[in-house]
Protein backbone atom coordinates (compact mmCIF):
# COMPACT_ATOMS: atom_id res chain seq x y z
CA MET A 1 -11.54 -0.05 -11.70
CA ASN A 2 -13.46 3.07 -10.67
CA ALA A 3 -10.72 5.44 -11.84
CA VAL A 4 -10.20 3.71 -15.19
CA SER A 5 -13.94 3.49 -15.85
CA ARG A 6 -14.19 7.28 -15.57
CA LEU A 7 -11.51 8.03 -18.13
CA THR A 8 -12.67 9.27 -21.53
CA GLU A 9 -11.68 7.61 -24.79
CA GLU A 10 -9.43 10.59 -25.47
CA GLN A 11 -7.68 10.12 -22.12
CA LEU A 12 -7.17 6.45 -22.94
CA SER A 13 -5.97 7.04 -26.50
CA ASN A 14 -2.29 7.19 -25.50
CA GLY A 15 -2.64 4.62 -22.75
CA VAL A 16 -2.28 5.11 -19.02
CA TYR A 17 0.66 4.95 -16.66
CA THR A 18 1.19 4.72 -12.94
CA ALA A 19 3.92 4.44 -10.33
CA SER A 20 3.25 1.58 -7.95
CA THR A 21 4.87 -1.08 -5.82
CA GLY A 22 2.72 -3.56 -7.72
CA ASN A 23 -0.71 -4.12 -6.19
CA PHE A 24 -2.38 -0.95 -7.46
CA ALA A 25 -0.74 -1.43 -10.85
CA LEU A 26 -2.26 -4.91 -11.14
CA GLY A 27 -5.71 -3.42 -10.70
CA VAL A 28 -5.03 -0.64 -13.19
CA THR A 29 -3.70 -3.10 -15.77
CA GLU A 30 -6.70 -5.40 -15.44
CA ALA A 31 -9.15 -2.49 -15.67
CA ALA A 32 -7.36 -0.86 -18.60
CA ARG A 33 -7.28 -4.14 -20.47
CA THR A 34 -11.10 -4.24 -20.43
CA ARG A 35 -11.03 -0.91 -22.27
CA GLY A 36 -8.27 -1.80 -24.70
CA ALA A 37 -5.73 0.66 -23.31
CA ASP A 38 -1.99 0.18 -22.99
CA VAL A 39 -0.45 0.44 -19.53
CA HIS A 40 3.02 1.55 -18.46
CA VAL A 41 3.93 0.72 -14.88
CA TYR A 42 6.90 2.35 -13.16
CA VAL A 43 8.19 0.30 -10.23
CA THR A 44 11.20 0.56 -7.97
CA GLU A 45 14.24 -1.64 -8.35
CA THR A 46 13.20 -3.47 -5.16
CA ALA A 47 9.72 -4.42 -6.41
CA ALA A 48 8.78 -8.07 -5.90
CA ARG A 49 9.63 -10.20 -8.92
CA SER A 50 6.32 -12.03 -8.55
CA LYS A 51 4.42 -8.76 -9.04
CA ILE A 52 6.52 -7.77 -12.03
CA GLY A 53 5.85 -11.15 -13.61
CA ALA A 54 2.12 -10.86 -12.97
CA LEU A 55 2.01 -7.37 -14.48
CA ARG A 56 3.78 -8.49 -17.63
CA ALA A 57 1.51 -11.52 -17.89
CA LEU A 58 -1.46 -9.15 -17.92
CA GLY A 59 0.13 -7.13 -20.71
CA ALA A 60 1.62 -4.17 -18.87
CA SER A 61 4.93 -2.64 -19.85
CA VAL A 62 6.99 -2.58 -16.65
CA ILE A 63 9.78 -0.03 -16.22
CA GLN A 64 12.07 -0.48 -13.22
CA ILE A 65 13.61 2.76 -11.97
CA SER A 66 15.39 4.08 -8.91
CA TYR A 67 13.44 4.98 -5.80
CA GLU A 68 14.23 8.67 -6.35
CA ARG A 69 12.80 8.68 -9.88
CA TRP A 70 9.79 6.63 -8.77
CA TRP A 71 9.02 9.03 -5.93
CA ALA A 72 9.41 12.00 -8.29
CA ILE A 73 6.59 10.57 -10.42
CA LEU A 74 4.35 10.36 -7.37
CA CYS A 75 5.19 13.99 -6.65
CA GLY A 76 4.08 15.10 -10.12
CA GLU A 77 7.02 14.62 -12.46
CA THR A 78 6.19 13.16 -15.88
CA PRO A 79 8.65 10.49 -17.07
CA THR A 80 10.62 11.41 -20.18
CA GLY A 81 8.69 10.51 -23.32
CA GLU A 82 5.55 9.47 -21.44
CA GLN A 83 2.34 10.42 -23.30
CA GLY A 84 -0.27 8.49 -21.34
CA THR A 85 -2.76 9.59 -18.70
CA PHE A 86 -1.36 9.33 -15.18
CA LEU A 87 -3.31 7.45 -12.51
CA HIS A 88 -1.93 8.31 -9.08
CA PRO A 89 -2.16 5.32 -6.72
CA CYS A 90 -3.00 7.36 -3.63
CA ALA A 91 -3.79 10.99 -4.50
CA CYS A 92 -6.35 10.59 -7.29
CA ARG A 93 -9.94 11.34 -6.26
CA ASP A 94 -11.45 8.50 -8.27
CA VAL A 95 -8.90 6.03 -6.88
CA VAL A 96 -9.64 7.09 -3.30
CA VAL A 97 -13.38 6.78 -3.98
CA GLY A 98 -12.73 3.23 -5.15
CA ASP A 99 -10.73 2.59 -1.98
CA ALA A 100 -13.69 3.83 0.04
CA THR A 101 -15.77 0.87 -1.14
CA ILE A 102 -13.55 -1.35 1.01
CA GLY A 103 -14.62 0.65 4.04
CA GLN A 104 -18.22 0.35 2.92
CA GLU A 105 -17.93 -3.45 2.67
CA ILE A 106 -16.39 -3.66 6.13
CA LEU A 107 -19.22 -1.64 7.66
CA GLU A 108 -21.88 -3.63 5.82
CA ASP A 109 -20.46 -6.94 7.04
CA LEU A 110 -19.34 -5.76 10.50
CA PRO A 111 -21.56 -2.85 11.56
CA ASP A 112 -20.32 -3.13 15.15
CA VAL A 113 -16.61 -3.07 14.27
CA GLU A 114 -14.59 -1.01 16.75
CA VAL A 115 -11.18 -0.84 15.09
CA ILE A 116 -10.09 -0.97 11.44
CA LEU A 117 -6.39 -1.59 10.81
CA VAL A 118 -5.06 -0.52 7.40
CA PRO A 119 -1.52 -0.91 6.00
CA PHE A 120 0.01 2.48 5.20
CA GLY A 121 2.00 3.00 2.03
CA GLY A 122 1.07 6.19 0.24
CA GLY A 123 -2.04 6.84 2.29
CA GLY A 124 -4.73 6.54 -0.38
CA LEU A 125 -6.29 3.33 0.93
CA ILE A 126 -6.66 4.51 4.51
CA THR A 127 -7.94 7.88 3.30
CA GLY A 128 -10.70 6.18 1.32
CA ILE A 129 -11.65 3.85 4.17
CA SER A 130 -11.67 6.74 6.64
CA LEU A 131 -13.91 8.83 4.38
CA ALA A 132 -16.31 5.89 4.04
CA CYS A 133 -16.53 5.55 7.81
CA MET A 134 -17.14 9.27 8.17
CA ASN A 135 -19.85 9.18 5.49
CA TRP A 136 -21.59 6.27 7.22
CA GLY A 137 -21.33 7.88 10.63
CA ALA A 138 -19.39 4.86 11.88
CA ARG A 139 -17.72 5.06 15.27
CA ALA A 140 -14.90 2.68 14.38
CA GLN A 141 -11.38 3.91 15.04
CA ILE A 142 -9.01 3.84 12.06
CA TYR A 143 -5.34 3.01 12.62
CA ALA A 144 -2.54 3.14 10.08
CA CYS A 145 -0.12 0.21 10.19
CA GLU A 146 3.54 0.84 9.40
CA MET A 147 6.71 -1.16 9.89
CA GLU A 148 9.86 -0.11 11.67
CA ALA A 149 11.93 0.10 8.49
CA ALA A 150 9.84 3.06 7.30
CA ALA A 151 7.20 4.89 9.33
CA PRO A 152 6.70 8.34 7.76
CA PHE A 153 3.13 8.78 8.98
CA TYR A 154 4.05 7.99 12.58
CA SER A 155 6.96 10.42 12.39
CA SER A 156 4.82 13.13 10.81
CA LEU A 157 2.04 12.78 13.38
CA ALA A 158 4.61 12.96 16.18
CA ALA A 159 6.07 16.14 14.68
CA GLY A 160 2.70 17.68 13.87
CA ALA A 161 3.80 18.26 10.29
CA ILE A 162 5.07 16.32 7.30
CA VAL A 163 8.65 15.13 7.77
CA GLU A 164 11.07 13.09 5.68
CA ILE A 165 12.75 10.01 7.10
CA PRO A 166 15.35 7.47 6.02
CA VAL A 167 13.86 4.39 4.38
CA ASP A 168 15.15 0.84 4.66
CA SER A 169 14.02 -1.46 1.88
CA THR A 170 13.54 -5.00 3.15
CA PRO A 171 12.77 -7.92 0.82
CA MET A 172 9.95 -9.10 3.10
CA VAL A 173 8.06 -5.80 3.10
CA ALA A 174 8.44 -4.31 -0.38
CA GLY A 175 4.89 -3.05 -0.83
CA ILE A 176 4.91 -0.22 1.73
CA GLY A 177 7.49 2.12 3.13
CA VAL A 178 8.19 5.52 1.62
CA SER A 179 10.18 8.49 2.84
CA THR A 180 7.36 10.91 3.63
CA VAL A 181 3.61 11.60 3.51
CA LEU A 182 2.18 13.14 0.36
CA ALA A 183 1.05 16.71 0.92
CA GLU A 184 -2.24 16.05 -0.90
CA ASN A 185 -3.23 13.38 1.63
CA TRP A 186 -1.89 14.95 4.82
CA PRO A 187 -4.96 17.08 5.71
CA TYR A 188 -7.28 14.07 5.45
CA LEU A 189 -4.92 11.73 7.25
CA ASN A 190 -4.27 14.17 10.06
CA ALA A 191 -7.99 14.77 10.56
CA LEU A 192 -9.47 11.31 10.07
CA VAL A 193 -6.95 8.69 11.21
CA ASP A 194 -6.97 7.92 14.94
CA GLY A 195 -3.43 6.66 15.30
CA VAL A 196 -0.52 4.61 14.00
CA VAL A 197 0.85 1.23 15.02
CA VAL A 198 4.47 0.55 14.06
CA SER A 199 5.34 -3.16 14.04
CA THR A 200 8.73 -4.83 14.04
CA LEU A 201 9.90 -6.92 11.12
CA GLU A 202 9.91 -9.95 13.41
CA ASP A 203 6.25 -9.42 14.34
CA THR A 204 5.32 -8.96 10.69
CA ALA A 205 7.10 -12.18 9.76
CA ASP A 206 5.23 -13.97 12.52
CA ALA A 207 1.95 -12.64 11.11
CA ILE A 208 2.85 -14.01 7.66
CA ARG A 209 3.55 -17.41 9.20
CA SER A 210 0.30 -17.41 11.17
CA LEU A 211 -1.79 -16.56 8.12
CA ALA A 212 -0.10 -19.24 6.03
CA LYS A 213 -0.16 -22.01 8.61
CA SER A 214 -3.45 -21.33 10.41
CA ASN A 215 -5.57 -19.71 7.71
CA HIS A 216 -3.89 -21.09 4.57
CA ILE A 217 -3.58 -17.57 3.18
CA VAL A 218 -0.42 -16.22 1.58
CA VAL A 219 -0.07 -12.51 2.41
CA GLU A 220 2.88 -10.27 1.67
CA GLY A 221 4.57 -8.35 4.45
CA ALA A 222 2.94 -5.08 3.41
CA GLY A 223 -0.43 -6.65 4.20
CA ALA A 224 0.54 -8.79 7.16
CA VAL A 225 1.72 -5.67 9.01
CA ALA A 226 -1.97 -5.04 9.79
CA LEU A 227 -2.33 -8.41 11.52
CA ALA A 228 0.89 -7.74 13.42
CA ALA A 229 -0.69 -4.50 14.63
CA ALA A 230 -3.88 -6.30 15.69
CA ARG A 231 -1.86 -8.26 18.24
CA HIS A 232 -0.92 -5.11 20.12
CA PRO A 233 -2.26 -5.18 23.70
CA HIS A 234 -4.05 -1.87 23.06
CA PHE A 235 -6.61 -3.72 20.93
CA ALA A 236 -7.24 -6.65 23.28
CA GLY A 237 -10.91 -7.58 23.49
CA LYS A 238 -11.99 -5.24 20.70
CA ARG A 239 -13.86 -6.11 17.50
CA ILE A 240 -11.24 -5.59 14.82
CA SER A 241 -11.21 -5.61 11.03
CA VAL A 242 -7.79 -6.18 9.48
CA VAL A 243 -7.23 -5.18 5.85
CA LEU A 244 -4.79 -7.58 4.15
CA THR A 245 -3.47 -5.89 1.03
CA GLY A 246 -2.02 -8.44 -1.33
CA GLY A 247 -0.19 -11.72 -1.62
CA GLY A 248 2.65 -10.68 -3.90
CA ILE A 249 5.57 -12.09 -1.97
CA ASP A 250 8.45 -13.77 -3.80
CA MET A 251 8.64 -17.49 -3.11
CA PRO A 252 12.23 -17.50 -1.75
CA ILE A 253 11.27 -14.80 0.75
CA LEU A 254 8.10 -16.65 1.74
CA ALA A 255 10.10 -19.84 2.24
CA SER A 256 12.61 -18.04 4.45
CA VAL A 257 9.81 -16.52 6.53
CA LEU A 258 8.01 -19.84 6.95
CA ASN A 259 11.29 -21.49 7.97
CA ASP A 260 12.18 -18.52 10.20
CA ASP A 261 15.47 -18.00 8.39
CA ARG A 262 15.95 -14.45 9.62
CA SER A 263 19.20 -13.89 7.80
CA ALA A 264 17.26 -14.01 4.53
CA TYR A 265 14.41 -11.62 5.29
CA LEU A 266 15.48 -9.23 8.04
CA VAL A 267 18.44 -7.66 6.27
CA PRO A 268 17.51 -4.10 5.27
CA SER A 269 19.24 -2.07 2.58
CA ARG A 270 19.13 1.69 2.98
CA ILE A 271 17.74 3.17 -0.25
CA ARG A 272 17.35 6.76 0.84
CA ASP A 273 18.99 8.53 3.73
CA TYR A 274 18.26 12.04 4.97
CA GLU A 275 20.67 11.89 7.89
């Protein structure tokens, strides 16, 4: 909403476009609709069908493309024939400022929070939350939460520089997991984030089940990875805030997770391999 509200009428005249796994695009579409602008959303071929349906219901034009083409857009390539204004989901200043309001809300509600756990996809959300904590002088530690099928931030921190890794696309965790860390975000991430927790797919599935059965909340794997991280012994006894980023999980996948049918949700498909 913050990023769209700052666009001029001229910038909106040819519509806006973004590349997203779905959640950010839903926000862009809703915000753009209030200003009468068309929205083109570029998603990967593995994007959740529920998110695609929701985007189209809101009026967005959804274009499914390969992971390679999708990542190229995030790295600055303009899609052929695209005339709209690009809104980057994780490297746009106004988007990150909007993300920072989540950190502000956490600190307002939980001023004594010790740990904030944030799912890591492109890095924009955790950058915004980290900047909010820095601005408020908060002492909370910020941890990125990744899953074992794709942990580019963990790998980059371990190497001390940005690295590229193979990515396994799993139907349960379609909202996070890219091959590397964006260069625009790396300086902030390296300076502000305290660490990374990499969870297994099994632990993430268990977190989805717990949220559904105990809290009556449906959360996709890309969000539940933060709760999976919270169960790590390192955080025992600490005051923790867990950021749950979306409930866009396809019903067949949710059913398989709730029934613990591992054959349906633990099978990865390699979509990019640097080996």
